[in-house]
Amino acid sequence: GVSVFEVCIRFVGGLLSIYGQTGDDVFKKLAVDIADKLLPAFNTPTGIPKAMINLKTGVTHNWGWASGGASILSEFGTMQLEFEYLTVITGDPKYKNAVEKVTNFVTKLPRPASLKGLYPNYLDPNSGKWGSKD
């Protein structure tokens, strides 16, 4: 499998940057093809994507070391730009909807008082509960 976050920021983001500079549809098509392969990672009860995906099968999982298999906020919290831009240039709302669901879920979730307004690092994509508070 591959990291959803890394593929998004490096491949999808890179292709979208080239598309934005050149307007050449080949780069938009490649970005769409890759993003479509990442979308199954968002198929969780909360919409929070899992960290890893097999691009052939769509099977997803999280890192075992990440607070008992939770998703990592710094990863799933940084894909909005690429996915929202995909919606802008394709007219297909599925990309924006995927990341908007993440944003809406996280911003409505109460944060632990002990963190004084900060967000924890980990979030379980199935239960919607914060992981380790470190």
N, C-alpha and C. Protein backbone atom coordinates (compact mmCIF):
# COMPACT_ATOMS: atom_id res chain seq x y z
N GLY A 1 0.81 -1.20 0.00
CA GLY A 1 0.00 0.00 0.00
C GLY A 1 0.85 1.25 0.00
N VAL A 2 0.20 2.35 -0.24
CA VAL A 2 0.87 3.65 -0.26
C VAL A 2 0.19 4.60 0.72
N SER A 3 0.89 5.62 1.12
CA SER A 3 0.36 6.63 2.02
C SER A 3 -0.60 7.55 1.26
N VAL A 4 -1.82 7.63 1.73
CA VAL A 4 -2.82 8.51 1.11
C VAL A 4 -2.33 9.96 1.14
N PHE A 5 -1.80 10.37 2.27
CA PHE A 5 -1.30 11.73 2.44
C PHE A 5 -0.16 12.03 1.46
N GLU A 6 0.84 11.15 1.41
CA GLU A 6 2.00 11.39 0.55
C GLU A 6 1.62 11.41 -0.92
N VAL A 7 0.77 10.50 -1.33
CA VAL A 7 0.34 10.47 -2.73
C VAL A 7 -0.46 11.73 -3.05
N CYS A 8 -1.29 12.15 -2.11
CA CYS A 8 -2.10 13.35 -2.34
C CYS A 8 -1.22 14.59 -2.50
N ILE A 9 -0.33 14.82 -1.55
CA ILE A 9 0.42 16.08 -1.62
C ILE A 9 1.48 16.08 -2.70
N ARG A 10 2.08 14.93 -2.96
CA ARG A 10 3.18 14.89 -3.93
C ARG A 10 2.70 14.65 -5.36
N PHE A 11 1.87 13.65 -5.55
CA PHE A 11 1.43 13.31 -6.91
C PHE A 11 0.25 14.18 -7.34
N VAL A 12 -0.85 14.12 -6.57
CA VAL A 12 -2.03 14.90 -6.95
C VAL A 12 -1.70 16.39 -6.91
N GLY A 13 -1.07 16.84 -5.83
CA GLY A 13 -0.72 18.26 -5.71
C GLY A 13 0.25 18.71 -6.78
N GLY A 14 1.23 17.89 -7.08
CA GLY A 14 2.19 18.22 -8.13
C GLY A 14 1.53 18.34 -9.49
N LEU A 15 0.68 17.36 -9.80
CA LEU A 15 -0.02 17.39 -11.10
C LEU A 15 -0.96 18.58 -11.20
N LEU A 16 -1.63 18.91 -10.09
CA LEU A 16 -2.53 20.07 -10.11
C LEU A 16 -1.74 21.37 -10.26
N SER A 17 -0.56 21.43 -9.68
CA SER A 17 0.29 22.62 -9.85
C SER A 17 0.68 22.80 -11.31
N ILE A 18 1.07 21.70 -11.94
CA ILE A 18 1.44 21.77 -13.36
C ILE A 18 0.23 22.15 -14.20
N TYR A 19 -0.93 21.55 -13.88
CA TYR A 19 -2.16 21.89 -14.61
C TYR A 19 -2.46 23.39 -14.45
N GLY A 20 -2.34 23.89 -13.22
CA GLY A 20 -2.61 25.30 -12.97
C GLY A 20 -1.68 26.22 -13.74
N GLN A 21 -0.46 25.78 -13.97
CA GLN A 21 0.52 26.59 -14.70
C GLN A 21 0.35 26.50 -16.22
N THR A 22 -0.05 25.30 -16.70
CA THR A 22 -0.07 25.09 -18.15
C THR A 22 -1.47 25.02 -18.76
N GLY A 23 -2.46 24.61 -17.95
CA GLY A 23 -3.80 24.40 -18.49
C GLY A 23 -3.91 23.13 -19.33
N ASP A 24 -2.87 22.32 -19.35
CA ASP A 24 -2.85 21.10 -20.14
C ASP A 24 -3.68 20.03 -19.45
N ASP A 25 -4.75 19.60 -20.11
CA ASP A 25 -5.69 18.65 -19.52
C ASP A 25 -5.09 17.30 -19.16
N VAL A 26 -3.96 16.95 -19.74
CA VAL A 26 -3.35 15.66 -19.40
C VAL A 26 -2.99 15.62 -17.91
N PHE A 27 -2.57 16.74 -17.36
CA PHE A 27 -2.20 16.78 -15.94
C PHE A 27 -3.44 16.73 -15.05
N LYS A 28 -4.52 17.38 -15.48
CA LYS A 28 -5.78 17.29 -14.74
C LYS A 28 -6.29 15.85 -14.75
N LYS A 29 -6.24 15.20 -15.89
CA LYS A 29 -6.73 13.82 -15.99
C LYS A 29 -5.93 12.89 -15.09
N LEU A 30 -4.61 13.05 -15.07
CA LEU A 30 -3.78 12.22 -14.21
C LEU A 30 -4.09 12.46 -12.73
N ALA A 31 -4.27 13.73 -12.36
CA ALA A 31 -4.61 14.05 -10.97
C ALA A 31 -5.95 13.44 -10.59
N VAL A 32 -6.92 13.51 -11.47
CA VAL A 32 -8.24 12.92 -11.23
C VAL A 32 -8.12 11.40 -11.08
N ASP A 33 -7.37 10.77 -11.97
CA ASP A 33 -7.20 9.31 -11.90
C ASP A 33 -6.61 8.88 -10.56
N ILE A 34 -5.61 9.60 -10.10
CA ILE A 34 -4.98 9.25 -8.83
C ILE A 34 -5.92 9.56 -7.66
N ALA A 35 -6.54 10.72 -7.67
CA ALA A 35 -7.45 11.09 -6.58
C ALA A 35 -8.60 10.09 -6.47
N ASP A 36 -9.12 9.63 -7.61
CA ASP A 36 -10.18 8.63 -7.58
C ASP A 36 -9.73 7.35 -6.89
N LYS A 37 -8.46 7.02 -7.04
CA LYS A 37 -7.92 5.82 -6.39
C LYS A 37 -7.73 6.04 -4.88
N LEU A 38 -7.64 7.29 -4.45
CA LEU A 38 -7.50 7.60 -3.03
C LEU A 38 -8.84 7.69 -2.31
N LEU A 39 -9.91 7.97 -3.03
CA LEU A 39 -11.21 8.19 -2.40
C LEU A 39 -11.70 7.05 -1.51
N PRO A 40 -11.44 5.77 -1.82
CA PRO A 40 -11.90 4.72 -0.91
C PRO A 40 -11.35 4.85 0.52
N ALA A 41 -10.25 5.55 0.70
CA ALA A 41 -9.70 5.75 2.04
C ALA A 41 -10.67 6.53 2.93
N PHE A 42 -11.55 7.32 2.31
CA PHE A 42 -12.51 8.14 3.05
C PHE A 42 -13.77 7.35 3.43
N ASN A 43 -13.89 6.12 2.97
CA ASN A 43 -15.08 5.30 3.25
C ASN A 43 -15.01 4.70 4.65
N THR A 44 -15.17 5.56 5.63
CA THR A 44 -15.19 5.14 7.04
C THR A 44 -16.47 5.71 7.65
N PRO A 45 -16.88 5.21 8.82
CA PRO A 45 -18.10 5.75 9.44
C PRO A 45 -18.07 7.26 9.68
N THR A 46 -16.89 7.82 9.90
CA THR A 46 -16.76 9.25 10.19
C THR A 46 -16.39 10.07 8.96
N GLY A 47 -15.91 9.40 7.92
CA GLY A 47 -15.39 10.11 6.75
C GLY A 47 -13.91 10.45 6.89
N ILE A 48 -13.34 10.20 8.07
CA ILE A 48 -11.91 10.42 8.29
C ILE A 48 -11.17 9.34 7.51
N PRO A 49 -10.29 9.71 6.61
CA PRO A 49 -9.63 8.68 5.79
C PRO A 49 -8.61 7.86 6.57
N LYS A 50 -8.45 6.65 6.12
CA LYS A 50 -7.37 5.82 6.66
C LYS A 50 -6.08 6.22 5.96
N ALA A 51 -4.95 5.90 6.58
CA ALA A 51 -3.66 6.42 6.14
C ALA A 51 -3.07 5.72 4.92
N MET A 52 -3.37 4.45 4.76
CA MET A 52 -2.74 3.64 3.70
C MET A 52 -3.80 3.05 2.79
N ILE A 53 -3.45 2.91 1.51
CA ILE A 53 -4.39 2.32 0.56
C ILE A 53 -3.62 1.49 -0.47
N ASN A 54 -4.21 0.38 -0.85
CA ASN A 54 -3.71 -0.40 -1.97
C ASN A 54 -4.40 0.17 -3.20
N LEU A 55 -3.65 0.77 -4.10
CA LEU A 55 -4.24 1.47 -5.25
C LEU A 55 -4.92 0.51 -6.23
N LYS A 56 -4.56 -0.75 -6.22
CA LYS A 56 -5.22 -1.72 -7.11
C LYS A 56 -6.55 -2.20 -6.54
N THR A 57 -6.56 -2.49 -5.25
CA THR A 57 -7.75 -3.10 -4.64
C THR A 57 -8.63 -2.11 -3.89
N GLY A 58 -8.07 -0.98 -3.47
CA GLY A 58 -8.83 -0.02 -2.67
C GLY A 58 -8.89 -0.40 -1.19
N VAL A 59 -8.19 -1.46 -0.79
CA VAL A 59 -8.16 -1.87 0.61
C VAL A 59 -7.34 -0.86 1.40
N THR A 60 -7.86 -0.45 2.55
CA THR A 60 -7.23 0.58 3.36
C THR A 60 -6.90 0.06 4.76
N HIS A 61 -5.96 0.72 5.39
CA HIS A 61 -5.65 0.46 6.79
C HIS A 61 -4.87 1.65 7.34
N ASN A 62 -4.75 1.66 8.66
CA ASN A 62 -3.96 2.70 9.32
C ASN A 62 -2.66 2.12 9.82
N TRP A 63 -1.74 3.00 10.16
CA TRP A 63 -0.48 2.58 10.76
C TRP A 63 -0.78 1.97 12.12
N GLY A 64 -0.22 0.81 12.40
CA GLY A 64 -0.45 0.17 13.69
C GLY A 64 0.12 0.95 14.86
N TRP A 65 1.18 1.71 14.62
CA TRP A 65 1.83 2.46 15.69
C TRP A 65 1.11 3.75 16.05
N ALA A 66 0.15 4.16 15.24
CA ALA A 66 -0.50 5.46 15.45
C ALA A 66 -1.67 5.33 16.41
N SER A 67 -1.37 5.33 17.70
CA SER A 67 -2.39 5.30 18.74
C SER A 67 -3.40 4.19 18.50
N GLY A 68 -2.90 2.98 18.34
CA GLY A 68 -3.78 1.83 18.17
C GLY A 68 -4.47 1.77 16.83
N GLY A 69 -3.85 2.32 15.80
CA GLY A 69 -4.43 2.25 14.47
C GLY A 69 -5.32 3.43 14.11
N ALA A 70 -5.13 4.56 14.78
CA ALA A 70 -5.93 5.76 14.48
C ALA A 70 -5.37 6.47 13.25
N SER A 71 -6.16 7.38 12.72
CA SER A 71 -5.69 8.25 11.64
C SER A 71 -4.93 9.42 12.25
N ILE A 72 -4.05 10.02 11.47
CA ILE A 72 -3.16 11.07 11.97
C ILE A 72 -3.65 12.43 11.47
N LEU A 73 -3.96 13.31 12.42
CA LEU A 73 -4.53 14.62 12.09
C LEU A 73 -3.69 15.39 11.09
N SER A 74 -2.38 15.40 11.25
CA SER A 74 -1.53 16.18 10.35
C SER A 74 -1.54 15.62 8.94
N GLU A 75 -1.97 14.37 8.77
CA GLU A 75 -2.09 13.80 7.43
C GLU A 75 -3.47 14.09 6.85
N PHE A 76 -4.53 13.64 7.53
CA PHE A 76 -5.85 13.82 6.94
C PHE A 76 -6.34 15.25 6.98
N GLY A 77 -5.68 16.08 7.76
CA GLY A 77 -6.09 17.48 7.85
C GLY A 77 -5.47 18.39 6.81
N THR A 78 -4.70 17.82 5.88
CA THR A 78 -3.99 18.68 4.93
C THR A 78 -4.27 18.33 3.47
N MET A 79 -5.37 17.68 3.20
CA MET A 79 -5.67 17.31 1.81
C MET A 79 -6.78 18.17 1.19
N GLN A 80 -7.24 19.18 1.93
CA GLN A 80 -8.34 20.00 1.46
C GLN A 80 -8.01 20.77 0.19
N LEU A 81 -6.84 21.32 0.11
CA LEU A 81 -6.47 22.14 -1.05
C LEU A 81 -6.58 21.35 -2.35
N GLU A 82 -5.96 20.17 -2.38
CA GLU A 82 -5.96 19.37 -3.59
C GLU A 82 -7.37 18.91 -3.96
N PHE A 83 -8.12 18.43 -2.98
CA PHE A 83 -9.44 17.89 -3.28
C PHE A 83 -10.45 18.99 -3.63
N GLU A 84 -10.36 20.12 -2.96
CA GLU A 84 -11.28 21.21 -3.32
C GLU A 84 -10.95 21.78 -4.70
N TYR A 85 -9.67 21.88 -5.03
CA TYR A 85 -9.28 22.36 -6.36
C TYR A 85 -9.74 21.38 -7.44
N LEU A 86 -9.69 20.09 -7.16
CA LEU A 86 -10.20 19.11 -8.12
C LEU A 86 -11.68 19.36 -8.42
N THR A 87 -12.45 19.69 -7.40
CA THR A 87 -13.87 19.99 -7.64
C THR A 87 -14.01 21.25 -8.48
N VAL A 88 -13.19 22.25 -8.21
CA VAL A 88 -13.26 23.50 -8.98
C VAL A 88 -13.00 23.23 -10.46
N ILE A 89 -11.96 22.45 -10.77
CA ILE A 89 -11.57 22.28 -12.18
C ILE A 89 -12.34 21.18 -12.91
N THR A 90 -12.99 20.28 -12.15
CA THR A 90 -13.75 19.21 -12.80
C THR A 90 -15.25 19.42 -12.72
N GLY A 91 -15.70 20.21 -11.76
CA GLY A 91 -17.12 20.38 -11.53
C GLY A 91 -17.74 19.21 -10.77
N ASP A 92 -16.94 18.24 -10.37
CA ASP A 92 -17.43 17.06 -9.66
C ASP A 92 -17.31 17.31 -8.16
N PRO A 93 -18.43 17.35 -7.44
CA PRO A 93 -18.40 17.68 -6.02
C PRO A 93 -17.85 16.58 -5.11
N LYS A 94 -17.61 15.38 -5.63
CA LYS A 94 -17.20 14.28 -4.74
C LYS A 94 -15.89 14.54 -4.02
N TYR A 95 -15.00 15.29 -4.64
CA TYR A 95 -13.71 15.57 -4.01
C TYR A 95 -13.88 16.53 -2.84
N LYS A 96 -14.57 17.63 -3.09
CA LYS A 96 -14.82 18.61 -2.03
C LYS A 96 -15.67 18.00 -0.93
N ASN A 97 -16.65 17.20 -1.30
CA ASN A 97 -17.51 16.56 -0.29
C ASN A 97 -16.71 15.68 0.66
N ALA A 98 -15.74 14.96 0.11
CA ALA A 98 -14.93 14.06 0.94
C ALA A 98 -14.16 14.84 2.00
N VAL A 99 -13.49 15.90 1.61
CA VAL A 99 -12.68 16.64 2.59
C VAL A 99 -13.53 17.57 3.46
N GLU A 100 -14.65 18.02 2.94
CA GLU A 100 -15.55 18.85 3.74
C GLU A 100 -16.13 18.03 4.89
N LYS A 101 -16.43 16.76 4.62
CA LYS A 101 -16.95 15.89 5.68
C LYS A 101 -15.91 15.75 6.79
N VAL A 102 -14.65 15.65 6.42
CA VAL A 102 -13.57 15.57 7.40
C VAL A 102 -13.53 16.84 8.25
N THR A 103 -13.51 17.99 7.58
CA THR A 103 -13.44 19.27 8.28
C THR A 103 -14.63 19.45 9.22
N ASN A 104 -15.82 19.16 8.73
CA ASN A 104 -17.02 19.31 9.55
C ASN A 104 -16.99 18.39 10.77
N PHE A 105 -16.55 17.16 10.56
CA PHE A 105 -16.50 16.21 11.68
C PHE A 105 -15.51 16.68 12.74
N VAL A 106 -14.32 17.03 12.32
CA VAL A 106 -13.26 17.40 13.27
C VAL A 106 -13.60 18.68 14.01
N THR A 107 -14.13 19.68 13.32
CA THR A 107 -14.39 20.96 13.98
C THR A 107 -15.56 20.89 14.96
N LYS A 108 -16.44 19.91 14.81
CA LYS A 108 -17.56 19.76 15.75
C LYS A 108 -17.22 18.85 16.93
N LEU A 109 -16.12 18.14 16.83
CA LEU A 109 -15.72 17.21 17.88
C LEU A 109 -15.10 17.95 19.05
N PRO A 110 -15.60 17.74 20.28
CA PRO A 110 -14.98 18.41 21.43
C PRO A 110 -13.52 18.01 21.60
N ARG A 111 -12.71 18.98 21.95
CA ARG A 111 -11.29 18.73 22.18
C ARG A 111 -11.05 18.52 23.67
N PRO A 112 -10.09 17.67 24.01
CA PRO A 112 -9.79 17.44 25.42
C PRO A 112 -9.37 18.74 26.12
N ALA A 113 -9.97 19.01 27.26
CA ALA A 113 -9.66 20.23 28.02
C ALA A 113 -8.18 20.31 28.38
N SER A 114 -7.57 19.16 28.58
CA SER A 114 -6.16 19.15 28.99
C SER A 114 -5.24 19.72 27.91
N LEU A 115 -5.70 19.79 26.69
CA LEU A 115 -4.87 20.31 25.60
C LEU A 115 -5.09 21.81 25.36
N LYS A 116 -5.92 22.42 26.16
CA LYS A 116 -6.12 23.87 26.14
C LYS A 116 -6.42 24.42 24.74
N GLY A 117 -7.37 23.79 24.06
CA GLY A 117 -7.79 24.27 22.75
C GLY A 117 -7.11 23.62 21.57
N LEU A 118 -6.04 22.90 21.80
CA LEU A 118 -5.34 22.22 20.72
C LEU A 118 -6.04 20.92 20.37
N TYR A 119 -5.74 20.40 19.20
CA TYR A 119 -6.28 19.12 18.78
C TYR A 119 -5.27 18.01 19.10
N PRO A 120 -5.76 16.83 19.49
CA PRO A 120 -4.85 15.68 19.64
C PRO A 120 -4.29 15.26 18.28
N ASN A 121 -3.27 14.45 18.30
CA ASN A 121 -2.62 14.00 17.07
C ASN A 121 -3.40 12.93 16.31
N TYR A 122 -4.19 12.13 17.03
CA TYR A 122 -4.79 10.94 16.44
C TYR A 122 -6.31 10.93 16.60
N LEU A 123 -6.98 10.36 15.60
CA LEU A 123 -8.44 10.23 15.64
C LEU A 123 -8.81 8.88 15.04
N ASP A 124 -9.63 8.13 15.76
CA ASP A 124 -10.07 6.83 15.27
C ASP A 124 -11.13 7.05 14.20
N PRO A 125 -10.90 6.61 12.96
CA PRO A 125 -11.85 6.87 11.88
C PRO A 125 -13.14 6.07 11.98
N ASN A 126 -13.13 5.04 12.81
CA ASN A 126 -14.33 4.23 12.98
C ASN A 126 -15.21 4.73 14.11
N SER A 127 -14.61 4.99 15.27
CA SER A 127 -15.38 5.43 16.42
C SER A 127 -15.56 6.93 16.49
N GLY A 128 -14.65 7.68 15.86
CA GLY A 128 -14.70 9.14 15.93
C GLY A 128 -14.14 9.67 17.24
N LYS A 129 -13.44 8.84 17.98
CA LYS A 129 -12.86 9.27 19.26
C LYS A 129 -11.40 9.62 19.07
N TRP A 130 -10.97 10.63 19.82
CA TRP A 130 -9.57 11.01 19.81
C TRP A 130 -8.72 9.87 20.32
N GLY A 131 -7.54 9.72 19.75
CA GLY A 131 -6.59 8.71 20.23
C GLY A 131 -5.75 9.31 21.33
N SER A 132 -4.53 8.89 21.41
CA SER A 132 -3.60 9.36 22.41
C SER A 132 -3.59 10.88 22.47
N LYS A 133 -3.55 11.43 23.64
CA LYS A 133 -3.62 12.88 23.82
C LYS A 133 -2.24 13.53 23.83
N ASP A 134 -1.21 12.80 23.37
CA ASP A 134 0.14 13.39 23.39
C ASP A 134 0.47 14.12 22.11
